Each structure stands twice: as structure tokens, then as C-alpha cells.
């Protein structure tokens, strides 16, 4: 199993930046495809970004493409999400997730593929 702890959330103004981090412990980090999801008040949790085990492949939701960057440091067992040009609609609790499902190169956008989750970190973008 893997344990995930997010950090880096906070309050930021429109157009600002934040970097979220997710520290992983337990099973070998490269076992997992990693993802970021978010849940805004009154809405369902939604996919934000995902990254392959090696870090060589990534995928993003259309709503964040070009503004957010997902990356991982396998030596440090850390996943990150750099968020730029933040908008009020980015306000949400952000969750780090890990998937150990077999994959022949594909990445997972569905939360059902992820069996391990962090506790979440709040991001609030004020206008």
C-alpha cells in the first residue's frame, strides 16, 4: 500500500500561482500511475491531471491544459502540481491519487482506477 499526504494549498488571487505537493510513503512509488483530482463545493470530484510511472507521459483536463503542470520526482517519492493563471473556478479541494492497475501505456482519467487517495488540500482563488 501507499500513503499519500498533500500540501501546498492556500488562498491565492486570480492570476496567481500555487504548487501542490503529494508525499508518498510505503510501497515503491514507481509502482503507481499518479493523478490529481479536485472537488468544488456542491460538485462531483473531477479529473485534473495524470502522469505515468516514469513521468514521461502526462494528460490533463481541458479546463487546466496549458495552465497546470503535473510532474513527479521518483527519487523523492513526490508528486507535484504547478498551477498558474489560477481562476475562481479552480477553487476546490485537490486530491492526490495513486493507481496500481495494470497499464500498457495508457493513463487513467477515471477516479475509479485509483485505489489510494490523500486527504486533500484546499485551494481557494479569490477575485
Protein backbone atom coordinates (compact mmCIF):
# COMPACT_ATOMS: atom_id res chain seq x y z
CA UNK A 1 0.00 0.00 0.00
CA UNK A 2 0.93 3.63 -0.35
CA UNK A 3 0.11 6.55 1.92
CA UNK A 4 -0.38 9.98 0.35
CA UNK A 5 -0.19 13.38 2.02
CA UNK A 6 -0.92 16.57 0.11
CA UNK A 7 0.36 20.02 0.96
CA UNK A 8 0.70 23.44 -0.61
CA UNK A 9 -2.89 24.58 -0.80
CA UNK A 10 -3.99 28.03 0.26
CA UNK A 11 -5.59 31.29 -0.73
CA UNK A 12 -4.40 33.00 -3.91
CA UNK A 13 -5.66 35.83 -6.08
CA UNK A 14 -6.91 35.42 -9.62
CA UNK A 15 -3.97 35.02 -11.97
CA UNK A 16 -1.68 33.79 -9.23
CA UNK A 17 0.19 30.53 -8.87
CA UNK A 18 0.42 27.68 -6.40
CA UNK A 19 2.35 24.45 -6.30
CA UNK A 20 0.76 21.43 -4.68
CA UNK A 21 2.84 18.55 -3.43
CA UNK A 22 1.98 14.98 -2.56
CA UNK A 23 4.38 12.96 -0.45
CA UNK A 24 4.13 9.21 -0.90
CA UNK A 25 5.29 6.55 1.53
CA UNK A 26 5.00 2.81 1.71
CA UNK A 27 5.19 0.74 -1.44
CA UNK A 28 7.62 1.65 -4.23
CA UNK A 29 6.48 4.92 -5.76
CA UNK A 30 7.14 3.86 -9.34
CA UNK A 31 4.52 1.14 -8.93
CA UNK A 32 1.86 3.79 -9.32
CA UNK A 33 0.35 5.90 -12.02
CA UNK A 34 -0.43 9.13 -10.20
CA UNK A 35 -3.19 11.65 -10.58
CA UNK A 36 -4.67 14.86 -9.26
CA UNK A 37 -8.39 15.32 -8.84
CA UNK A 38 -10.44 18.14 -7.37
CA UNK A 39 -13.84 18.66 -5.85
CA UNK A 40 -15.55 22.02 -5.70
CA UNK A 41 -18.39 22.72 -3.26
CA UNK A 42 -21.60 21.09 -4.41
CA UNK A 43 -19.92 19.33 -7.32
CA UNK A 44 -18.61 15.87 -8.02
CA UNK A 45 -14.92 15.14 -7.89
CA UNK A 46 -13.29 15.65 -11.26
CA UNK A 47 -10.08 14.68 -13.01
CA UNK A 48 -7.32 17.29 -13.25
CA UNK A 49 -4.14 15.57 -14.41
CA UNK A 50 -2.32 12.27 -14.50
CA UNK A 51 1.24 11.09 -15.02
CA UNK A 52 2.84 7.80 -15.95
CA UNK A 53 5.04 5.74 -13.67
CA UNK A 54 8.21 7.08 -15.26
CA UNK A 55 6.93 10.63 -15.54
CA UNK A 56 7.35 10.58 -19.28
CA UNK A 57 3.66 10.82 -20.17
CA UNK A 58 1.03 13.19 -18.87
CA UNK A 59 -2.60 14.06 -19.55
CA UNK A 60 -4.77 16.97 -18.47
CA UNK A 61 -8.37 18.01 -18.24
CA UNK A 62 -9.22 20.55 -20.93
CA UNK A 63 -10.08 23.09 -18.23
CA UNK A 64 -6.48 23.18 -16.93
CA UNK A 65 -4.45 22.38 -20.04
CA UNK A 66 -1.77 24.99 -20.61
CA UNK A 67 -2.07 26.35 -17.06
CA UNK A 68 -1.28 23.34 -14.86
CA UNK A 69 1.72 21.03 -14.99
CA UNK A 70 1.94 17.66 -13.27
CA UNK A 71 5.34 16.18 -12.53
CA UNK A 72 6.91 13.64 -10.23
CA UNK A 73 10.24 13.02 -8.55
CA UNK A 74 10.61 9.28 -8.20
CA UNK A 75 13.81 9.63 -6.17
CA UNK A 76 11.98 11.77 -3.63
CA UNK A 77 8.65 9.88 -3.82
CA UNK A 78 6.88 13.13 -4.56
CA UNK A 79 4.14 14.21 -6.93
CA UNK A 80 3.58 17.87 -7.72
CA UNK A 81 1.07 20.07 -9.50
CA UNK A 82 2.18 23.52 -10.61
CA UNK A 83 -0.86 25.71 -11.07
CA UNK A 84 -0.53 29.00 -12.93
CA UNK A 85 -3.01 31.62 -14.10
CA UNK A 86 -5.47 30.49 -11.48
CA UNK A 87 -9.16 31.26 -11.90
CA UNK A 88 -12.01 31.37 -9.38
CA UNK A 89 -13.36 28.16 -10.91
CA UNK A 90 -10.18 26.38 -9.83
CA UNK A 91 -11.33 26.72 -6.22
CA UNK A 92 -11.67 23.20 -4.83
CA UNK A 93 -10.21 20.59 -2.57
CA UNK A 94 -7.39 18.94 -4.51
CA UNK A 95 -6.64 15.27 -4.05
CA UNK A 96 -3.59 13.24 -4.91
CA UNK A 97 -4.33 9.67 -6.03
CA UNK A 98 -2.36 6.54 -6.90
CA UNK A 99 -3.25 3.66 -9.19
CA UNK A 100 -1.54 0.29 -9.32
CA UNK A 101 -3.83 -1.06 -12.04
CA UNK A 102 -2.03 -2.76 -14.91
CA UNK A 103 -1.43 -0.43 -17.81
CA UNK A 104 0.03 -0.91 -21.27
CA UNK A 105 0.88 2.73 -21.63
CA UNK A 106 -2.49 4.31 -21.06
CA UNK A 107 -3.16 6.82 -18.34
CA UNK A 108 -6.27 6.91 -16.21
CA UNK A 109 -8.73 9.79 -16.08
CA UNK A 110 -11.40 7.96 -14.11
CA UNK A 111 -11.25 8.13 -10.34
CA UNK A 112 -12.40 4.51 -10.30
CA UNK A 113 -8.93 3.50 -11.46
CA UNK A 114 -7.29 4.94 -8.36
CA UNK A 115 -7.31 2.91 -5.20
CA UNK A 116 -5.32 5.21 -2.94
CA UNK A 117 -6.13 8.79 -2.01
CA UNK A 118 -4.75 11.57 0.10
CA UNK A 119 -6.81 13.64 2.49
CA UNK A 120 -6.97 16.65 0.20
CA UNK A 121 -5.74 20.23 0.33
CA UNK A 122 -7.91 23.31 -0.12
CA UNK A 123 -7.19 25.76 -2.91
CA UNK A 124 -9.15 28.99 -2.92
CA UNK A 125 -8.82 31.53 -5.72
CA UNK A 126 -10.22 34.91 -4.83
CA UNK A 127 -11.39 37.55 -7.24
